[in-house]
PDB file of N, CA and C in Angstrom:
ATOM      1  N   MET A   1     114.982  80.741  91.681  1.00  0.00           N
ATOM      2  CA  MET A   1     114.922  81.918  92.527  1.00  0.00           C
ATOM      3  C   MET A   1     113.473  82.388  92.621  1.00  0.00           C
ATOM      4  N   PHE A   2     113.058  82.678  93.822  1.00  0.00           N
ATOM      5  CA  PHE A   2     111.705  83.186  94.066  1.00  0.00           C
ATOM      6  C   PHE A   2     111.733  84.710  94.023  1.00  0.00           C
ATOM      7  N   LEU A   3     110.803  85.285  93.255  1.00  0.00           N
ATOM      8  CA  LEU A   3     110.648  86.736  93.228  1.00  0.00           C
ATOM      9  C   LEU A   3     109.259  87.099  93.735  1.00  0.00           C
ATOM     10  N   PRO A   4     109.162  88.185  94.487  1.00  0.00           N
ATOM     11  CA  PRO A   4     107.853  88.603  94.996  1.00  0.00           C
ATOM     12  C   PRO A   4     106.905  88.996  93.865  1.00  0.00           C
ATOM     13  N   LYS A   5     105.642  88.771  94.078  1.00  0.00           N
ATOM     14  CA  LYS A   5     104.613  89.155  93.098  1.00  0.00           C
ATOM     15  C   LYS A   5     104.293  90.646  93.195  1.00  0.00           C
ATOM     16  N   ASP A   6     104.402  91.202  94.382  1.00  0.00           N
ATOM     17  CA  ASP A   6     104.119  92.624  94.583  1.00  0.00           C
ATOM     18  C   ASP A   6     105.177  93.456  93.855  1.00  0.00           C
ATOM     19  N   PRO A   7     104.780  94.352  92.942  1.00  0.00           N
ATOM     20  CA  PRO A   7     105.754  95.116  92.162  1.00  0.00           C
ATOM     21  C   PRO A   7     106.704  95.971  93.006  1.00  0.00           C
ATOM     22  N   VAL A   8     106.242  96.524  94.113  1.00  0.00           N
ATOM     23  CA  VAL A   8     107.114  97.359  94.952  1.00  0.00           C
ATOM     24  C   VAL A   8     108.185  96.499  95.620  1.00  0.00           C
ATOM     25  N   MET A   9     107.802  95.331  96.092  1.00  0.00           N
ATOM     26  CA  MET A   9     108.773  94.411  96.686  1.00  0.00           C
ATOM     27  C   MET A   9     109.731  93.891  95.613  1.00  0.00           C
ATOM     28  N   LEU A  10     109.200  93.624  94.430  1.00  0.00           N
ATOM     29  CA  LEU A  10     110.028  93.167  93.313  1.00  0.00           C
ATOM     30  C   LEU A  10     111.075  94.219  92.974  1.00  0.00           C
ATOM     31  N   LEU A  11     110.681  95.466  92.942  1.00  0.00           N
ATOM     32  CA  LEU A  11     111.611  96.567  92.671  1.00  0.00           C
ATOM     33  C   LEU A  11     112.774  96.541  93.654  1.00  0.00           C
ATOM     34  N   SER A  12     112.482  96.411  94.912  1.00  0.00           N
ATOM     35  CA  SER A  12     113.511  96.390  95.941  1.00  0.00           C
ATOM     36  C   SER A  12     114.467  95.210  95.751  1.00  0.00           C
ATOM     37  N   VAL A  13     113.916  94.041  95.512  1.00  0.00           N
ATOM     38  CA  VAL A  13     114.743  92.844  95.349  1.00  0.00           C
ATOM     39  C   VAL A  13     115.622  92.955  94.109  1.00  0.00           C
ATOM     40  N   ILE A  14     115.036  93.337  92.991  1.00  0.00           N
ATOM     41  CA  ILE A  14     115.793  93.414  91.736  1.00  0.00           C
ATOM     42  C   ILE A  14     116.893  94.464  91.837  1.00  0.00           C
ATOM     43  N   ASN A  15     116.577  95.647  92.333  1.00  0.00           N
ATOM     44  CA  ASN A  15     117.609  96.685  92.434  1.00  0.00           C
ATOM     45  C   ASN A  15     118.729  96.275  93.388  1.00  0.00           C
ATOM     46  N   THR A  16     118.403  95.548  94.436  1.00  0.00           N
ATOM     47  CA  THR A  16     119.439  95.058  95.349  1.00  0.00           C
ATOM     48  C   THR A  16     120.352  94.066  94.636  1.00  0.00           C
ATOM     49  N   TYR A  17     119.758  93.116  93.919  1.00  0.00           N
ATOM     50  CA  TYR A  17     120.580  92.154  93.187  1.00  0.00           C
ATOM     51  C   TYR A  17     121.420  92.837  92.115  1.00  0.00           C
ATOM     52  N   LEU A  18     120.852  93.801  91.415  1.00  0.00           N
ATOM     53  CA  LEU A  18     121.612  94.512  90.380  1.00  0.00           C
ATOM     54  C   LEU A  18     122.769  95.284  91.007  1.00  0.00           C
ATOM     55  N   ARG A  19     122.520  95.928  92.110  1.00  0.00           N
ATOM     56  CA  ARG A  19     123.555  96.720  92.779  1.00  0.00           C
ATOM     57  C   ARG A  19     124.670  95.839  93.353  1.00  0.00           C
ATOM     58  N   ASP A  20     124.286  94.753  93.993  1.00  0.00           N
ATOM     59  CA  ASP A  20     125.260  93.969  94.756  1.00  0.00           C
ATOM     60  C   ASP A  20     125.918  92.819  93.998  1.00  0.00           C
ATOM     61  N   TYR A  21     125.235  92.265  92.990  1.00  0.00           N
ATOM     62  CA  TYR A  21     125.734  91.022  92.405  1.00  0.00           C
ATOM     63  C   TYR A  21     125.851  90.975  90.890  1.00  0.00           C
ATOM     64  N   HIS A  22     125.204  91.878  90.172  1.00  0.00           N
ATOM     65  CA  HIS A  22     125.145  91.756  88.712  1.00  0.00           C
ATOM     66  C   HIS A  22     125.484  93.073  88.029  1.00  0.00           C
ATOM     67  N   SER A  23     126.163  92.954  86.907  1.00  0.00           N
ATOM     68  CA  SER A  23     126.600  94.152  86.176  1.00  0.00           C
ATOM     69  C   SER A  23     125.524  94.701  85.235  1.00  0.00           C
ATOM     70  N   SER A  24     124.468  93.912  84.999  1.00  0.00           N
ATOM     71  CA  SER A  24     123.387  94.363  84.113  1.00  0.00           C
ATOM     72  C   SER A  24     122.149  93.511  84.335  1.00  0.00           C
ATOM     73  N   LEU A  25     121.028  93.978  83.825  1.00  0.00           N
ATOM     74  CA  LEU A  25     119.794  93.204  83.893  1.00  0.00           C
ATOM     75  C   LEU A  25     119.942  91.927  83.074  1.00  0.00           C
ATOM     76  N   GLU A  26     120.622  92.006  81.962  1.00  0.00           N
ATOM     77  CA  GLU A  26     120.854  90.827  81.125  1.00  0.00           C
ATOM     78  C   GLU A  26     121.664  89.778  81.891  1.00  0.00           C
ATOM     79  N   ASP A  27     122.701  90.216  82.592  1.00  0.00           N
ATOM     80  CA  ASP A  27     123.514  89.320  83.407  1.00  0.00           C
ATOM     81  C   ASP A  27     122.656  88.651  84.480  1.00  0.00           C
ATOM     82  N   PHE A  28     121.839  89.437  85.168  1.00  0.00           N
ATOM     83  CA  PHE A  28     120.927  88.904  86.185  1.00  0.00           C
ATOM     84  C   PHE A  28     120.001  87.861  85.570  1.00  0.00           C
ATOM     85  N   SER A  29     119.422  88.185  84.436  1.00  0.00           N
ATOM     86  CA  SER A  29     118.478  87.301  83.767  1.00  0.00           C
ATOM     87  C   SER A  29     119.145  85.985  83.365  1.00  0.00           C
ATOM     88  N   LEU A  30     120.339  86.058  82.816  1.00  0.00           N
ATOM     89  CA  LEU A  30     121.050  84.846  82.394  1.00  0.00           C
ATOM     90  C   LEU A  30     121.419  83.964  83.580  1.00  0.00           C
ATOM     91  N   GLU A  31     121.885  84.547  84.647  1.00  0.00           N
ATOM     92  CA  GLU A  31     122.311  83.766  85.815  1.00  0.00           C
ATOM     93  C   GLU A  31     121.147  83.154  86.570  1.00  0.00           C
ATOM     94  N   THR A  32     119.993  83.782  86.539  1.00  0.00           N
ATOM     95  CA  THR A  32     118.842  83.294  87.315  1.00  0.00           C
ATOM     96  C   THR A  32     117.808  82.567  86.463  1.00  0.00           C
ATOM     97  N   ASN A  33     117.985  82.578  85.147  1.00  0.00           N
ATOM     98  CA  ASN A  33     117.001  81.993  84.233  1.00  0.00           C
ATOM     99  C   ASN A  33     115.630  82.642  84.372  1.00  0.00           C
ATOM    100  N   LEU A  34     115.620  83.930  84.673  1.00  0.00           N
ATOM    101  CA  LEU A  34     114.378  84.691  84.748  1.00  0.00           C
ATOM    102  C   LEU A  34     114.285  85.615  83.545  1.00  0.00           C
ATOM    103  N   SER A  35     113.093  85.861  83.101  1.00  0.00           N
ATOM    104  CA  SER A  35     112.868  86.687  81.922  1.00  0.00           C
ATOM    105  C   SER A  35     113.029  88.172  82.239  1.00  0.00           C
ATOM    106  N   ALA A  36     113.991  88.797  81.588  1.00  0.00           N
ATOM    107  CA  ALA A  36     114.175  90.235  81.757  1.00  0.00           C
ATOM    108  C   ALA A  36     112.934  90.982  81.273  1.00  0.00           C
ATOM    109  N   GLU A  37     112.328  90.485  80.202  1.00  0.00           N
ATOM    110  CA  GLU A  37     111.139  91.132  79.652  1.00  0.00           C
ATOM    111  C   GLU A  37     109.986  91.111  80.654  1.00  0.00           C
ATOM    112  N   GLU A  38     109.845  90.003  81.371  1.00  0.00           N
ATOM    113  CA  GLU A  38     108.778  89.894  82.366  1.00  0.00           C
ATOM    114  C   GLU A  38     109.040  90.838  83.543  1.00  0.00           C
ATOM    115  N   ILE A  39     110.281  90.935  83.968  1.00  0.00           N
ATOM    116  CA  ILE A  39     110.634  91.856  85.050  1.00  0.00           C
ATOM    117  C   ILE A  39     110.357  93.289  84.619  1.00  0.00           C
ATOM    118  N   ILE A  40     110.766  93.635  83.413  1.00  0.00           N
ATOM    119  CA  ILE A  40     110.519  94.976  82.874  1.00  0.00           C
ATOM    120  C   ILE A  40     109.019  95.262  82.837  1.00  0.00           C
ATOM    121  N   ARG A  41     108.239  94.286  82.388  1.00  0.00           N
ATOM    122  CA  ARG A  41     106.780  94.461  82.298  1.00  0.00           C
ATOM    123  C   ARG A  41     106.167  94.666  83.687  1.00  0.00           C
ATOM    124  N   GLN A  42     106.594  93.864  84.650  1.00  0.00           N
ATOM    125  CA  GLN A  42     106.041  93.970  86.000  1.00  0.00           C
ATOM    126  C   GLN A  42     106.371  95.319  86.642  1.00  0.00           C
ATOM    127  N   LEU A  43     107.577  95.806  86.426  1.00  0.00           N
ATOM    128  CA  LEU A  43     107.964  97.067  87.055  1.00  0.00           C
ATOM    129  C   LEU A  43     107.421  98.284  86.307  1.00  0.00           C
ATOM    130  N   ALA A  44     107.084  98.107  85.048  1.00  0.00           N
ATOM    131  CA  ALA A  44     106.445  99.196  84.299  1.00  0.00           C
ATOM    132  C   ALA A  44     105.060  99.497  84.865  1.00  0.00           C
ATOM    133  N   ILE A  45     104.447  98.507  85.500  1.00  0.00           N
ATOM    134  CA  ILE A  45     103.133  98.700  86.119  1.00  0.00           C
ATOM    135  C   ILE A  45     103.183  99.828  87.147  1.00  0.00           C
ATOM    136  N   ILE A  46     104.310  99.949  87.853  1.00  0.00           N
ATOM    137  CA  ILE A  46     104.450 101.017  88.860  1.00  0.00           C
ATOM    138  C   ILE A  46     105.350 102.136  88.336  1.00  0.00           C
ATOM    139  N   ASP A  47     105.489 102.196  87.010  1.00  0.00           N
ATOM    140  CA  ASP A  47     106.197 103.276  86.313  1.00  0.00           C
ATOM    141  C   ASP A  47     107.692 103.333  86.628  1.00  0.00           C
ATOM    142  N   TYR A  48     108.311 102.151  86.751  1.00  0.00           N
ATOM    143  CA  TYR A  48     109.764 102.065  86.887  1.00  0.00           C
ATOM    144  C   TYR A  48     110.317 101.431  85.631  1.00  0.00           C
ATOM    145  N   HIS A  49     111.449 101.951  85.162  1.00  0.00           N
ATOM    146  CA  HIS A  49     112.050 101.495  83.921  1.00  0.00           C
ATOM    147  C   HIS A  49     113.540 101.303  84.132  1.00  0.00           C
ATOM    148  N   TYR A  50     114.085 100.302  83.454  1.00  0.00           N
ATOM    149  CA  TYR A  50     115.495  99.973  83.615  1.00  0.00           C
ATOM    150  C   TYR A  50     116.375 101.028  82.952  1.00  0.00           C
ATOM    151  N   ASP A  51     117.364 101.493  83.685  1.00  0.00           N
ATOM    152  CA  ASP A  51     118.371 102.418  83.163  1.00  0.00           C
ATOM    153  C   ASP A  51     119.710 101.682  83.162  1.00  0.00           C
ATOM    154  N   PRO A  52     120.183 101.284  81.977  1.00  0.00           N
ATOM    155  CA  PRO A  52     121.426 100.507  81.920  1.00  0.00           C
ATOM    156  C   PRO A  52     122.659 101.263  82.404  1.00  0.00           C
ATOM    157  N   GLU A  53     122.665 102.573  82.263  1.00  0.00           N
ATOM    158  CA  GLU A  53     123.814 103.349  82.741  1.00  0.00           C
ATOM    159  C   GLU A  53     123.937 103.302  84.259  1.00  0.00           C
ATOM    160  N   GLN A  54     122.803 103.322  84.943  1.00  0.00           N
ATOM    161  CA  GLN A  54     122.815 103.261  86.410  1.00  0.00           C
ATOM    162  C   GLN A  54     122.647 101.833  86.910  1.00  0.00           C
ATOM    163  N   ASN A  55     122.323 100.914  85.986  1.00  0.00           N
ATOM    164  CA  ASN A  55     122.074  99.514  86.314  1.00  0.00           C
ATOM    165  C   ASN A  55     121.048  99.376  87.437  1.00  0.00           C
ATOM    166  N   GLN A  56     119.942 100.064  87.271  1.00  0.00           N
ATOM    167  CA  GLN A  56     118.854  99.953  88.236  1.00  0.00           C
ATOM    168  C   GLN A  56     117.564 100.399  87.590  1.00  0.00           C
ATOM    169  N   PHE A  57     116.470 100.061  88.241  1.00  0.00           N
ATOM    170  CA  PHE A  57     115.161 100.543  87.811  1.00  0.00           C
ATOM    171  C   PHE A  57     114.900 101.852  88.517  1.00  0.00           C
ATOM    172  N   ILE A  58     114.551 102.863  87.733  1.00  0.00           N
ATOM    173  CA  ILE A  58     114.293 104.195  88.285  1.00  0.00           C
ATOM    174  C   ILE A  58     112.953 104.698  87.803  1.00  0.00           C
TER     175      ILE A  58
END
């Protein structure tokens, strides 16, 4: 799976996948073989953090 390098675009893509297809960031990470830690790090750059209760980056 290709993810955008731009953090704002990444935010949009990840939140869409979390909302529409995955029950958690861990589920997304396991199904796509992408590092949840790397996604968290990239989105922290623009001050977004994963909220497991809402299953999105806010």
